């Protein structure tokens, strides 16, 4: 799966939030400063080309729907991220955040509890 740019991810977040909709619906989901309508439309067209959204012609415009579930994207993205930056080691990922003090001991204990309950 192709990695999305920051602009594409922002647009995809809006698509996931809106579900099915038109460009104006997605624009409503984006926080200020909002991109111009035409920029968002181009970005959504790129997402369609990449297979992330599907389009249905309705009159003079298109109604878009997500072609990939948000959870599936996160799963694939994180797998690629861990593979690319941490040699496929989730332990190294957690160690990185622990050393950089981005995760606390209590949060690590919560994670351990979640793992042990599974």
PDB file of N, CA and C in Angstrom:
ATOM      1  N   UNK A   1       0.840  -1.182   0.000  1.00  0.00           N
ATOM      2  CA  UNK A   1       0.000   0.000   0.000  1.00  0.00           C
ATOM      3  C   UNK A   1       0.885   1.245   0.000  1.00  0.00           C
ATOM      4  N   UNK A   2       0.525   2.161  -0.849  1.00  0.00           N
ATOM      5  CA  UNK A   2       1.275   3.401  -0.979  1.00  0.00           C
ATOM      6  C   UNK A   2       1.052   4.279   0.250  1.00  0.00           C
ATOM      7  N   UNK A   3       2.144   4.881   0.728  1.00  0.00           N
ATOM      8  CA  UNK A   3       2.035   5.781   1.881  1.00  0.00           C
ATOM      9  C   UNK A   3       1.407   7.096   1.419  1.00  0.00           C
ATOM     10  N   UNK A   4       0.549   7.634   2.248  1.00  0.00           N
ATOM     11  CA  UNK A   4      -0.112   8.893   1.921  1.00  0.00           C
ATOM     12  C   UNK A   4       0.704  10.075   2.419  1.00  0.00           C
ATOM     13  N   UNK A   5       0.616  11.176   1.678  1.00  0.00           N
ATOM     14  CA  UNK A   5       1.236  12.426   2.125  1.00  0.00           C
ATOM     15  C   UNK A   5       0.408  12.980   3.280  1.00  0.00           C
ATOM     16  N   UNK A   6       0.931  13.971   3.969  1.00  0.00           N
ATOM     17  CA  UNK A   6       0.199  14.591   5.072  1.00  0.00           C
ATOM     18  C   UNK A   6      -1.126  15.177   4.575  1.00  0.00           C
ATOM     19  N   UNK A   7      -1.093  15.825   3.428  1.00  0.00           N
ATOM     20  CA  UNK A   7      -2.295  16.412   2.843  1.00  0.00           C
ATOM     21  C   UNK A   7      -3.324  15.322   2.501  1.00  0.00           C
ATOM     22  N   UNK A   8      -2.842  14.204   1.954  1.00  0.00           N
ATOM     23  CA  UNK A   8      -3.739  13.096   1.627  1.00  0.00           C
ATOM     24  C   UNK A   8      -4.318  12.452   2.888  1.00  0.00           C
ATOM     25  N   UNK A   9      -3.496  12.330   3.925  1.00  0.00           N
ATOM     26  CA  UNK A   9      -3.996  11.757   5.180  1.00  0.00           C
ATOM     27  C   UNK A   9      -5.067  12.651   5.794  1.00  0.00           C
ATOM     28  N   UNK A  10      -4.863  13.951   5.746  1.00  0.00           N
ATOM     29  CA  UNK A  10      -5.861  14.879   6.275  1.00  0.00           C
ATOM     30  C   UNK A  10      -7.177  14.735   5.506  1.00  0.00           C
ATOM     31  N   UNK A  11      -7.086  14.628   4.185  1.00  0.00           N
ATOM     32  CA  UNK A  11      -8.284  14.446   3.367  1.00  0.00           C
ATOM     33  C   UNK A  11      -8.941  13.105   3.670  1.00  0.00           C
ATOM     34  N   UNK A  12      -8.130  12.077   3.839  1.00  0.00           N
ATOM     35  CA  UNK A  12      -8.667  10.743   4.121  1.00  0.00           C
ATOM     36  C   UNK A  12      -9.362  10.717   5.478  1.00  0.00           C
ATOM     37  N   UNK A  13      -8.810  11.434   6.460  1.00  0.00           N
ATOM     38  CA  UNK A  13      -9.463  11.541   7.769  1.00  0.00           C
ATOM     39  C   UNK A  13     -10.857  12.153   7.615  1.00  0.00           C
ATOM     40  N   UNK A  14     -10.964  13.173   6.770  1.00  0.00           N
ATOM     41  CA  UNK A  14     -12.255  13.819   6.527  1.00  0.00           C
ATOM     42  C   UNK A  14     -13.221  12.859   5.844  1.00  0.00           C
ATOM     43  N   UNK A  15     -12.720  12.071   4.913  1.00  0.00           N
ATOM     44  CA  UNK A  15     -13.563  11.085   4.224  1.00  0.00           C
ATOM     45  C   UNK A  15     -14.064  10.049   5.229  1.00  0.00           C
ATOM     46  N   UNK A  16     -13.177   9.559   6.090  1.00  0.00           N
ATOM     47  CA  UNK A  16     -13.588   8.569   7.093  1.00  0.00           C
ATOM     48  C   UNK A  16     -14.624   9.159   8.048  1.00  0.00           C
ATOM     49  N   UNK A  17     -14.443  10.403   8.443  1.00  0.00           N
ATOM     50  CA  UNK A  17     -15.392  11.046   9.364  1.00  0.00           C
ATOM     51  C   UNK A  17     -16.759  11.239   8.709  1.00  0.00           C
ATOM     52  N   UNK A  18     -16.759  11.672   7.461  1.00  0.00           N
ATOM     53  CA  UNK A  18     -18.016  11.944   6.769  1.00  0.00           C
ATOM     54  C   UNK A  18     -18.676  10.653   6.285  1.00  0.00           C
ATOM     55  N   UNK A  19     -17.881   9.630   6.052  1.00  0.00           N
ATOM     56  CA  UNK A  19     -18.420   8.402   5.465  1.00  0.00           C
ATOM     57  C   UNK A  19     -18.490   8.589   3.967  1.00  0.00           C
ATOM     58  N   UNK A  20     -19.675   8.712   3.448  1.00  0.00           N
ATOM     59  CA  UNK A  20     -19.875   8.971   2.025  1.00  0.00           C
ATOM     60  C   UNK A  20     -20.260  10.433   1.866  1.00  0.00           C
ATOM     61  N   UNK A  21     -19.670  11.104   0.877  1.00  0.00           N
ATOM     62  CA  UNK A  21     -20.024  12.505   0.710  1.00  0.00           C
ATOM     63  C   UNK A  21     -19.360  13.149  -0.487  1.00  0.00           C
ATOM     64  N   UNK A  22     -19.612  14.428  -0.585  1.00  0.00           N
ATOM     65  CA  UNK A  22     -19.065  15.262  -1.648  1.00  0.00           C
ATOM     66  C   UNK A  22     -17.905  16.080  -1.082  1.00  0.00           C
ATOM     67  N   UNK A  23     -17.154  16.714  -1.962  1.00  0.00           N
ATOM     68  CA  UNK A  23     -15.987  17.492  -1.530  1.00  0.00           C
ATOM     69  C   UNK A  23     -16.374  18.504  -0.447  1.00  0.00           C
ATOM     70  N   UNK A  24     -17.511  19.184  -0.612  1.00  0.00           N
ATOM     71  CA  UNK A  24     -17.937  20.180   0.385  1.00  0.00           C
ATOM     72  C   UNK A  24     -18.164  19.531   1.751  1.00  0.00           C
ATOM     73  N   UNK A  25     -18.639  18.285   1.769  1.00  0.00           N
ATOM     74  CA  UNK A  25     -18.833  17.575   3.044  1.00  0.00           C
ATOM     75  C   UNK A  25     -17.495  17.309   3.724  1.00  0.00           C
ATOM     76  N   UNK A  26     -16.500  16.957   2.925  1.00  0.00           N
ATOM     77  CA  UNK A  26     -15.174  16.682   3.483  1.00  0.00           C
ATOM     78  C   UNK A  26     -14.515  17.969   3.962  1.00  0.00           C
ATOM     79  N   UNK A  27     -14.744  19.039   3.232  1.00  0.00           N
ATOM     80  CA  UNK A  27     -14.192  20.344   3.614  1.00  0.00           C
ATOM     81  C   UNK A  27     -14.733  20.765   4.980  1.00  0.00           C
ATOM     82  N   UNK A  28     -15.994  20.441   5.252  1.00  0.00           N
ATOM     83  CA  UNK A  28     -16.598  20.763   6.546  1.00  0.00           C
ATOM     84  C   UNK A  28     -15.927  20.014   7.696  1.00  0.00           C
ATOM     85  N   UNK A  29     -15.331  18.863   7.418  1.00  0.00           N
ATOM     86  CA  UNK A  29     -14.700  18.039   8.448  1.00  0.00           C
ATOM     87  C   UNK A  29     -13.286  18.512   8.797  1.00  0.00           C
ATOM     88  N   UNK A  30     -12.692  19.324   7.941  1.00  0.00           N
ATOM     89  CA  UNK A  30     -11.300  19.735   8.118  1.00  0.00           C
ATOM     90  C   UNK A  30     -11.230  21.002   8.968  1.00  0.00           C
ATOM     91  N   UNK A  31     -10.280  20.999   9.913  1.00  0.00           N
ATOM     92  CA  UNK A  31     -10.091  22.154  10.797  1.00  0.00           C
ATOM     93  C   UNK A  31      -9.433  23.308  10.038  1.00  0.00           C
ATOM     94  N   UNK A  32      -9.597  24.484  10.598  1.00  0.00           N
ATOM     95  CA  UNK A  32      -8.958  25.688  10.038  1.00  0.00           C
ATOM     96  C   UNK A  32      -7.445  25.589  10.218  1.00  0.00           C
ATOM     97  N   UNK A  33      -6.655  26.101   9.346  1.00  0.00           N
ATOM     98  CA  UNK A  33      -7.033  26.705   8.081  1.00  0.00           C
ATOM     99  C   UNK A  33      -7.379  25.619   7.050  1.00  0.00           C
ATOM    100  N   UNK A  34      -8.540  25.734   6.451  1.00  0.00           N
ATOM    101  CA  UNK A  34      -9.008  24.761   5.470  1.00  0.00           C
ATOM    102  C   UNK A  34      -8.291  24.979   4.139  1.00  0.00           C
ATOM    103  N   UNK A  35      -8.026  23.897   3.427  1.00  0.00           N
ATOM    104  CA  UNK A  35      -7.442  24.064   2.090  1.00  0.00           C
ATOM    105  C   UNK A  35      -8.497  24.615   1.136  1.00  0.00           C
ATOM    106  N   UNK A  36      -8.086  25.215   0.036  1.00  0.00           N
ATOM    107  CA  UNK A  36      -9.071  25.651  -0.962  1.00  0.00           C
ATOM    108  C   UNK A  36      -9.848  24.436  -1.496  1.00  0.00           C
ATOM    109  N   UNK A  37     -11.086  24.664  -1.894  1.00  0.00           N
ATOM    110  CA  UNK A  37     -11.950  23.606  -2.424  1.00  0.00           C
ATOM    111  C   UNK A  37     -11.240  22.829  -3.531  1.00  0.00           C
ATOM    112  N   UNK A  38     -10.616  23.563  -4.466  1.00  0.00           N
ATOM    113  CA  UNK A  38      -9.971  22.908  -5.618  1.00  0.00           C
ATOM    114  C   UNK A  38      -8.790  22.036  -5.194  1.00  0.00           C
ATOM    115  N   UNK A  39      -8.077  22.461  -4.169  1.00  0.00           N
ATOM    116  CA  UNK A  39      -6.954  21.669  -3.662  1.00  0.00           C
ATOM    117  C   UNK A  39      -7.461  20.371  -3.056  1.00  0.00           C
ATOM    118  N   UNK A  40      -8.514  20.455  -2.256  1.00  0.00           N
ATOM    119  CA  UNK A  40      -9.088  19.253  -1.660  1.00  0.00           C
ATOM    120  C   UNK A  40      -9.637  18.331  -2.747  1.00  0.00           C
ATOM    121  N   UNK A  41     -10.288  18.902  -3.751  1.00  0.00           N
ATOM    122  CA  UNK A  41     -10.830  18.094  -4.856  1.00  0.00           C
ATOM    123  C   UNK A  41      -9.712  17.344  -5.572  1.00  0.00           C
ATOM    124  N   UNK A  42      -8.591  18.008  -5.816  1.00  0.00           N
ATOM    125  CA  UNK A  42      -7.440  17.345  -6.465  1.00  0.00           C
ATOM    126  C   UNK A  42      -6.874  16.239  -5.581  1.00  0.00           C
ATOM    127  N   UNK A  43      -6.808  16.506  -4.286  1.00  0.00           N
ATOM    128  CA  UNK A  43      -6.285  15.520  -3.350  1.00  0.00           C
ATOM    129  C   UNK A  43      -7.184  14.281  -3.318  1.00  0.00           C
ATOM    130  N   UNK A  44      -8.492  14.495  -3.288  1.00  0.00           N
ATOM    131  CA  UNK A  44      -9.435  13.367  -3.269  1.00  0.00           C
ATOM    132  C   UNK A  44      -9.345  12.589  -4.583  1.00  0.00           C
ATOM    133  N   UNK A  45      -9.169  13.272  -5.703  1.00  0.00           N
ATOM    134  CA  UNK A  45      -8.974  12.588  -6.997  1.00  0.00           C
ATOM    135  C   UNK A  45      -7.729  11.702  -6.947  1.00  0.00           C
ATOM    136  N   UNK A  46      -6.649  12.207  -6.333  1.00  0.00           N
ATOM    137  CA  UNK A  46      -5.433  11.402  -6.180  1.00  0.00           C
ATOM    138  C   UNK A  46      -5.711  10.184  -5.312  1.00  0.00           C
ATOM    139  N   UNK A  47      -6.506  10.373  -4.255  1.00  0.00           N
ATOM    140  CA  UNK A  47      -6.862   9.247  -3.386  1.00  0.00           C
ATOM    141  C   UNK A  47      -7.673   8.204  -4.156  1.00  0.00           C
ATOM    142  N   UNK A  48      -8.509   8.670  -5.064  1.00  0.00           N
ATOM    143  CA  UNK A  48      -9.266   7.737  -5.905  1.00  0.00           C
ATOM    144  C   UNK A  48      -8.314   6.965  -6.813  1.00  0.00           C
ATOM    145  N   UNK A  49      -7.391   7.673  -7.431  1.00  0.00           N
ATOM    146  CA  UNK A  49      -6.414   7.041  -8.323  1.00  0.00           C
ATOM    147  C   UNK A  49      -5.586   5.993  -7.586  1.00  0.00           C
ATOM    148  N   UNK A  50      -5.269   6.270  -6.320  1.00  0.00           N
ATOM    149  CA  UNK A  50      -4.472   5.352  -5.504  1.00  0.00           C
ATOM    150  C   UNK A  50      -5.300   4.216  -4.910  1.00  0.00           C
ATOM    151  N   UNK A  51      -6.623   4.278  -5.058  1.00  0.00           N
ATOM    152  CA  UNK A  51      -7.481   3.208  -4.574  1.00  0.00           C
ATOM    153  C   UNK A  51      -7.969   3.356  -3.145  1.00  0.00           C
ATOM    154  N   UNK A  52      -7.836   4.553  -2.569  1.00  0.00           N
ATOM    155  CA  UNK A  52      -8.276   4.782  -1.196  1.00  0.00           C
ATOM    156  C   UNK A  52      -9.743   5.199  -1.102  1.00  0.00           C
ATOM    157  N   UNK A  53     -10.272   5.787  -2.182  1.00  0.00           N
ATOM    158  CA  UNK A  53     -11.683   6.159  -2.222  1.00  0.00           C
ATOM    159  C   UNK A  53     -12.277   5.705  -3.559  1.00  0.00           C
ATOM    160  N   UNK A  54     -13.592   5.539  -3.558  1.00  0.00           N
ATOM    161  CA  UNK A  54     -14.306   5.247  -4.794  1.00  0.00           C
ATOM    162  C   UNK A  54     -15.207   6.429  -5.101  1.00  0.00           C
ATOM    163  N   UNK A  55     -15.508   6.626  -6.380  1.00  0.00           N
ATOM    164  CA  UNK A  55     -16.325   7.756  -6.802  1.00  0.00           C
ATOM    165  C   UNK A  55     -17.543   7.260  -7.568  1.00  0.00           C
ATOM    166  N   UNK A  56     -18.662   7.935  -7.322  1.00  0.00           N
ATOM    167  CA  UNK A  56     -19.909   7.648  -8.028  1.00  0.00           C
ATOM    168  C   UNK A  56     -20.412   8.964  -8.600  1.00  0.00           C
ATOM    169  N   UNK A  57     -20.581   9.008  -9.925  1.00  0.00           N
ATOM    170  CA  UNK A  57     -21.032  10.244 -10.572  1.00  0.00           C
ATOM    171  C   UNK A  57     -22.499  10.478 -10.231  1.00  0.00           C
ATOM    172  N   UNK A  58     -22.758  11.694  -9.762  1.00  0.00           N
ATOM    173  CA  UNK A  58     -24.128  12.094  -9.423  1.00  0.00           C
ATOM    174  C   UNK A  58     -24.353  13.483 -10.008  1.00  0.00           C
ATOM    175  N   UNK A  59     -25.051  13.533 -11.132  1.00  0.00           N
ATOM    176  CA  UNK A  59     -25.259  14.817 -11.803  1.00  0.00           C
ATOM    177  C   UNK A  59     -23.945  15.351 -12.330  1.00  0.00           C
ATOM    178  N   UNK A  60     -23.605  16.573 -11.906  1.00  0.00           N
ATOM    179  CA  UNK A  60     -22.363  17.202 -12.354  1.00  0.00           C
ATOM    180  C   UNK A  60     -21.202  16.998 -11.392  1.00  0.00           C
ATOM    181  N   UNK A  61     -21.402  16.239 -10.329  1.00  0.00           N
ATOM    182  CA  UNK A  61     -20.320  16.050  -9.360  1.00  0.00           C
ATOM    183  C   UNK A  61     -20.182  14.567  -9.006  1.00  0.00           C
ATOM    184  N   UNK A  62     -19.275  14.306  -8.106  1.00  0.00           N
ATOM    185  CA  UNK A  62     -19.010  12.937  -7.678  1.00  0.00           C
ATOM    186  C   UNK A  62     -19.242  12.811  -6.175  1.00  0.00           C
ATOM    187  N   UNK A  63     -19.787  11.663  -5.812  1.00  0.00           N
ATOM    188  CA  UNK A  63     -19.929  11.328  -4.395  1.00  0.00           C
ATOM    189  C   UNK A  63     -18.862  10.274  -4.103  1.00  0.00           C
ATOM    190  N   UNK A  64     -18.084  10.522  -3.067  1.00  0.00           N
ATOM    191  CA  UNK A  64     -16.949   9.653  -2.730  1.00  0.00           C
ATOM    192  C   UNK A  64     -17.233   8.840  -1.477  1.00  0.00           C
ATOM    193  N   UNK A  65     -16.646   7.662  -1.451  1.00  0.00           N
ATOM    194  CA  UNK A  65     -16.743   6.770  -0.290  1.00  0.00           C
ATOM    195  C   UNK A  65     -15.361   6.181  -0.021  1.00  0.00           C
ATOM    196  N   UNK A  66     -15.057   5.897   1.238  1.00  0.00           N
ATOM    197  CA  UNK A  66     -13.767   5.269   1.523  1.00  0.00           C
ATOM    198  C   UNK A  66     -13.738   3.854   0.944  1.00  0.00           C
ATOM    199  N   UNK A  67     -12.629   3.510   0.311  1.00  0.00           N
ATOM    200  CA  UNK A  67     -12.460   2.170  -0.246  1.00  0.00           C
ATOM    201  C   UNK A  67     -11.677   1.288   0.722  1.00  0.00           C
ATOM    202  N   UNK A  68     -11.088   1.914   1.728  1.00  0.00           N
ATOM    203  CA  UNK A  68     -10.325   1.177   2.730  1.00  0.00           C
ATOM    204  C   UNK A  68     -10.753   1.659   4.114  1.00  0.00           C
ATOM    205  N   UNK A  69     -10.905   0.737   5.014  1.00  0.00           N
ATOM    206  CA  UNK A  69     -11.297   1.027   6.385  1.00  0.00           C
ATOM    207  C   UNK A  69     -10.152   1.735   7.116  1.00  0.00           C
ATOM    208  N   UNK A  70     -10.496   2.657   7.986  1.00  0.00           N
ATOM    209  CA  UNK A  70      -9.485   3.419   8.734  1.00  0.00           C
ATOM    210  C   UNK A  70      -8.585   2.491   9.553  1.00  0.00           C
ATOM    211  N   UNK A  71      -9.166   1.514  10.205  1.00  0.00           N
ATOM    212  CA  UNK A  71      -8.368   0.578  11.024  1.00  0.00           C
ATOM    213  C   UNK A  71      -7.398  -0.216  10.155  1.00  0.00           C
ATOM    214  N   UNK A  72      -7.842  -0.622   8.973  1.00  0.00           N
ATOM    215  CA  UNK A  72      -6.980  -1.375   8.055  1.00  0.00           C
ATOM    216  C   UNK A  72      -5.804  -0.511   7.620  1.00  0.00           C
ATOM    217  N   UNK A  73      -6.070   0.768   7.315  1.00  0.00           N
ATOM    218  CA  UNK A  73      -4.987   1.672   6.929  1.00  0.00           C
ATOM    219  C   UNK A  73      -3.989   1.820   8.063  1.00  0.00           C
ATOM    220  N   UNK A  74      -4.482   2.029   9.288  1.00  0.00           N
ATOM    221  CA  UNK A  74      -3.589   2.190  10.436  1.00  0.00           C
ATOM    222  C   UNK A  74      -2.731   0.950  10.628  1.00  0.00           C
ATOM    223  N   UNK A  75      -3.359  -0.219  10.496  1.00  0.00           N
ATOM    224  CA  UNK A  75      -2.629  -1.469  10.672  1.00  0.00           C
ATOM    225  C   UNK A  75      -1.509  -1.594   9.635  1.00  0.00           C
ATOM    226  N   UNK A  76      -1.844  -1.325   8.376  1.00  0.00           N
ATOM    227  CA  UNK A  76      -0.828  -1.422   7.311  1.00  0.00           C
ATOM    228  C   UNK A  76       0.249  -0.364   7.471  1.00  0.00           C
ATOM    229  N   UNK A  77      -0.171   0.861   7.811  1.00  0.00           N
ATOM    230  CA  UNK A  77       0.793   1.949   7.978  1.00  0.00           C
ATOM    231  C   UNK A  77       1.759   1.639   9.109  1.00  0.00           C
ATOM    232  N   UNK A  78       1.224   1.208  10.242  1.00  0.00           N
ATOM    233  CA  UNK A  78       2.087   0.930  11.396  1.00  0.00           C
ATOM    234  C   UNK A  78       3.023  -0.243  11.117  1.00  0.00           C
ATOM    235  N   UNK A  79       2.536  -1.254  10.425  1.00  0.00           N
ATOM    236  CA  UNK A  79       3.411  -2.384  10.077  1.00  0.00           C
ATOM    237  C   UNK A  79       4.581  -1.908   9.219  1.00  0.00           C
ATOM    238  N   UNK A  80       4.283  -1.068   8.241  1.00  0.00           N
ATOM    239  CA  UNK A  80       5.345  -0.534   7.385  1.00  0.00           C
ATOM    240  C   UNK A  80       6.285   0.378   8.152  1.00  0.00           C
ATOM    241  N   UNK A  81       5.727   1.196   9.035  1.00  0.00           N
ATOM    242  CA  UNK A  81       6.524   2.122   9.845  1.00  0.00           C
ATOM    243  C   UNK A  81       7.493   1.355  10.745  1.00  0.00           C
ATOM    244  N   UNK A  82       6.973   0.354  11.433  1.00  0.00           N
ATOM    245  CA  UNK A  82       7.827  -0.443  12.340  1.00  0.00           C
ATOM    246  C   UNK A  82       8.875  -1.198  11.536  1.00  0.00           C
ATOM    247  N   UNK A  83       8.496  -1.706  10.395  1.00  0.00           N
ATOM    248  CA  UNK A  83       9.449  -2.412   9.540  1.00  0.00           C
ATOM    249  C   UNK A  83      10.549  -1.473   9.042  1.00  0.00           C
ATOM    250  N   UNK A  84      10.161  -0.295   8.551  1.00  0.00           N
ATOM    251  CA  UNK A  84      11.122   0.652   7.972  1.00  0.00           C
ATOM    252  C   UNK A  84      12.051   1.280   9.005  1.00  0.00           C
ATOM    253  N   UNK A  85      11.519   1.629  10.176  1.00  0.00           N
ATOM    254  CA  UNK A  85      12.298   2.398  11.136  1.00  0.00           C
ATOM    255  C   UNK A  85      12.811   1.599  12.331  1.00  0.00           C
ATOM    256  N   UNK A  86      12.211   0.451  12.592  1.00  0.00           N
ATOM    257  CA  UNK A  86      12.592  -0.310  13.792  1.00  0.00           C
ATOM    258  C   UNK A  86      12.887  -1.768  13.491  1.00  0.00           C
ATOM    259  N   UNK A  87      13.257  -2.047  12.236  1.00  0.00           N
ATOM    260  CA  UNK A  87      13.647  -3.407  11.814  1.00  0.00           C
ATOM    261  C   UNK A  87      12.620  -4.449  12.236  1.00  0.00           C
ATOM    262  N   UNK A  88      11.350  -4.094  12.121  1.00  0.00           N
ATOM    263  CA  UNK A  88      10.226  -4.980  12.431  1.00  0.00           C
ATOM    264  C   UNK A  88      10.150  -5.368  13.906  1.00  0.00           C
ATOM    265  N   UNK A  89      10.732  -4.556  14.778  1.00  0.00           N
ATOM    266  CA  UNK A  89      10.733  -4.851  16.207  1.00  0.00           C
ATOM    267  C   UNK A  89       9.861  -3.845  16.966  1.00  0.00           C
ATOM    268  N   UNK A  90       8.731  -4.339  17.461  1.00  0.00           N
ATOM    269  CA  UNK A  90       7.869  -3.476  18.266  1.00  0.00           C
ATOM    270  C   UNK A  90       8.534  -3.168  19.613  1.00  0.00           C
ATOM    271  N   UNK A  91       9.382  -4.080  20.059  1.00  0.00           N
ATOM    272  CA  UNK A  91      10.142  -3.836  21.293  1.00  0.00           C
ATOM    273  C   UNK A  91      11.037  -2.614  21.108  1.00  0.00           C
ATOM    274  N   UNK A  92      11.715  -2.529  19.962  1.00  0.00           N
ATOM    275  CA  UNK A  92      12.569  -1.369  19.691  1.00  0.00           C
ATOM    276  C   UNK A  92      11.738  -0.086  19.594  1.00  0.00           C
ATOM    277  N   UNK A  93      10.536  -0.187  19.052  1.00  0.00           N
ATOM    278  CA  UNK A  93       9.650   0.966  18.971  1.00  0.00           C
ATOM    279  C   UNK A  93       9.302   1.481  20.365  1.00  0.00           C
ATOM    280  N   UNK A  94       8.886   0.573  21.243  1.00  0.00           N
ATOM    281  CA  UNK A  94       8.520   0.968  22.602  1.00  0.00           C
ATOM    282  C   UNK A  94       9.740   1.493  23.351  1.00  0.00           C
ATOM    283  N   UNK A  95      10.893   0.857  23.159  1.00  0.00           N
ATOM    284  CA  UNK A  95      12.129   1.299  23.797  1.00  0.00           C
ATOM    285  C   UNK A  95      12.479   2.724  23.364  1.00  0.00           C
ATOM    286  N   UNK A  96      12.296   2.999  22.080  1.00  0.00           N
ATOM    287  CA  UNK A  96      12.560   4.340  21.556  1.00  0.00           C
ATOM    288  C   UNK A  96      11.720   5.383  22.301  1.00  0.00           C
ATOM    289  N   UNK A  97      10.427   5.105  22.457  1.00  0.00           N
ATOM    290  CA  UNK A  97       9.550   6.055  23.134  1.00  0.00           C
ATOM    291  C   UNK A  97       9.843   6.134  24.626  1.00  0.00           C
ATOM    292  N   UNK A  98      10.230   5.024  25.219  1.00  0.00           N
ATOM    293  CA  UNK A  98      10.558   5.029  26.651  1.00  0.00           C
ATOM    294  C   UNK A  98      11.817   5.860  26.898  1.00  0.00           C
ATOM    295  N   UNK A  99      12.830   5.674  26.063  1.00  0.00           N
ATOM    296  CA  UNK A  99      14.077   6.433  26.225  1.00  0.00           C
ATOM    297  C   UNK A  99      13.855   7.925  25.989  1.00  0.00           C
ATOM    298  N   UNK A 100      12.955   8.245  25.080  1.00  0.00           N
ATOM    299  CA  UNK A 100      12.669   9.647  24.750  1.00  0.00           C
ATOM    300  C   UNK A 100      11.623  10.244  25.700  1.00  0.00           C
ATOM    301  N   UNK A 101      11.244   9.450  26.716  1.00  0.00           N
ATOM    302  CA  UNK A 101      10.270   9.873  27.737  1.00  0.00           C
ATOM    303  C   UNK A 101       8.929  10.293  27.132  1.00  0.00           C
ATOM    304  N   UNK A 102       8.513   9.583  26.089  1.00  0.00           N
ATOM    305  CA  UNK A 102       7.214   9.826  25.463  1.00  0.00           C
ATOM    306  C   UNK A 102       6.163   8.863  25.997  1.00  0.00           C
ATOM    307  N   UNK A 103       6.615   7.885  26.797  1.00  0.00           N
ATOM    308  CA  UNK A 103       5.698   6.923  27.402  1.00  0.00           C
ATOM    309  C   UNK A 103       6.146   6.704  28.839  1.00  0.00           C
ATOM    310  N   UNK A 104       5.195   6.689  29.746  1.00  0.00           N
ATOM    311  CA  UNK A 104       5.528   6.575  31.167  1.00  0.00           C
ATOM    312  C   UNK A 104       5.500   5.111  31.614  1.00  0.00           C
ATOM    313  N   UNK A 105       6.037   4.880  32.793  1.00  0.00           N
ATOM    314  CA  UNK A 105       6.036   3.536  33.367  1.00  0.00           C
ATOM    315  C   UNK A 105       4.604   3.047  33.578  1.00  0.00           C
ATOM    316  N   UNK A 106       3.727   3.939  34.020  1.00  0.00           N
ATOM    317  CA  UNK A 106       2.336   3.520  34.242  1.00  0.00           C
ATOM    318  C   UNK A 106       1.653   3.160  32.914  1.00  0.00           C
ATOM    319  N   UNK A 107       1.977   3.890  31.850  1.00  0.00           N
ATOM    320  CA  UNK A 107       1.424   3.550  30.544  1.00  0.00           C
ATOM    321  C   UNK A 107       1.961   2.205  30.064  1.00  0.00           C
ATOM    322  N   UNK A 108       3.237   1.945  30.325  1.00  0.00           N
ATOM    323  CA  UNK A 108       3.809   0.642  29.962  1.00  0.00           C
ATOM    324  C   UNK A 108       3.125  -0.485  30.735  1.00  0.00           C
ATOM    325  N   UNK A 109       2.824  -0.238  32.004  1.00  0.00           N
ATOM    326  CA  UNK A 109       2.110  -1.246  32.800  1.00  0.00           C
ATOM    327  C   UNK A 109       0.724  -1.507  32.223  1.00  0.00           C
ATOM    328  N   UNK A 110       0.055  -0.451  31.787  1.00  0.00           N
ATOM    329  CA  UNK A 110      -1.260  -0.616  31.148  1.00  0.00           C
ATOM    330  C   UNK A 110      -1.150  -1.478  29.897  1.00  0.00           C
ATOM    331  N   UNK A 111      -0.109  -1.235  29.111  1.00  0.00           N
ATOM    332  CA  UNK A 111       0.112  -2.018  27.889  1.00  0.00           C
ATOM    333  C   UNK A 111       0.359  -3.475  28.242  1.00  0.00           C
ATOM    334  N   UNK A 112       1.174  -3.719  29.253  1.00  0.00           N
ATOM    335  CA  UNK A 112       1.445  -5.092  29.689  1.00  0.00           C
ATOM    336  C   UNK A 112       0.156  -5.769  30.128  1.00  0.00           C
ATOM    337  N   UNK A 113      -0.683  -5.051  30.876  1.00  0.00           N
ATOM    338  CA  UNK A 113      -1.966  -5.613  31.305  1.00  0.00           C
ATOM    339  C   UNK A 113      -2.840  -5.962  30.117  1.00  0.00           C
ATOM    340  N   UNK A 114      -2.873  -5.103  29.100  1.00  0.00           N
ATOM    341  CA  UNK A 114      -3.651  -5.391  27.901  1.00  0.00           C
ATOM    342  C   UNK A 114      -3.144  -6.647  27.186  1.00  0.00           C
ATOM    343  N   UNK A 115      -1.825  -6.784  27.133  1.00  0.00           N
ATOM    344  CA  UNK A 115      -1.227  -7.954  26.472  1.00  0.00           C
ATOM    345  C   UNK A 115      -1.540  -9.220  27.261  1.00  0.00           C
ATOM    346  N   UNK A 116      -1.414  -9.147  28.568  1.00  0.00           N
ATOM    347  CA  UNK A 116      -1.653 -10.339  29.399  1.00  0.00           C
ATOM    348  C   UNK A 116      -3.104 -10.760  29.417  1.00  0.00           C
ATOM    349  N   UNK A 117      -4.024  -9.807  29.294  1.00  0.00           N
ATOM    350  CA  UNK A 117      -5.450 -10.135  29.261  1.00  0.00           C
ATOM    351  C   UNK A 117      -5.846 -10.819  27.971  1.00  0.00           C
ATOM    352  N   UNK A 118      -5.132 -10.536  26.907  1.00  0.00           N
ATOM    353  CA  UNK A 118      -5.437 -11.126  25.606  1.00  0.00           C
ATOM    354  C   UNK A 118      -5.004 -12.535  25.608  1.00  0.00           C
TER     355      UNK A 118
END
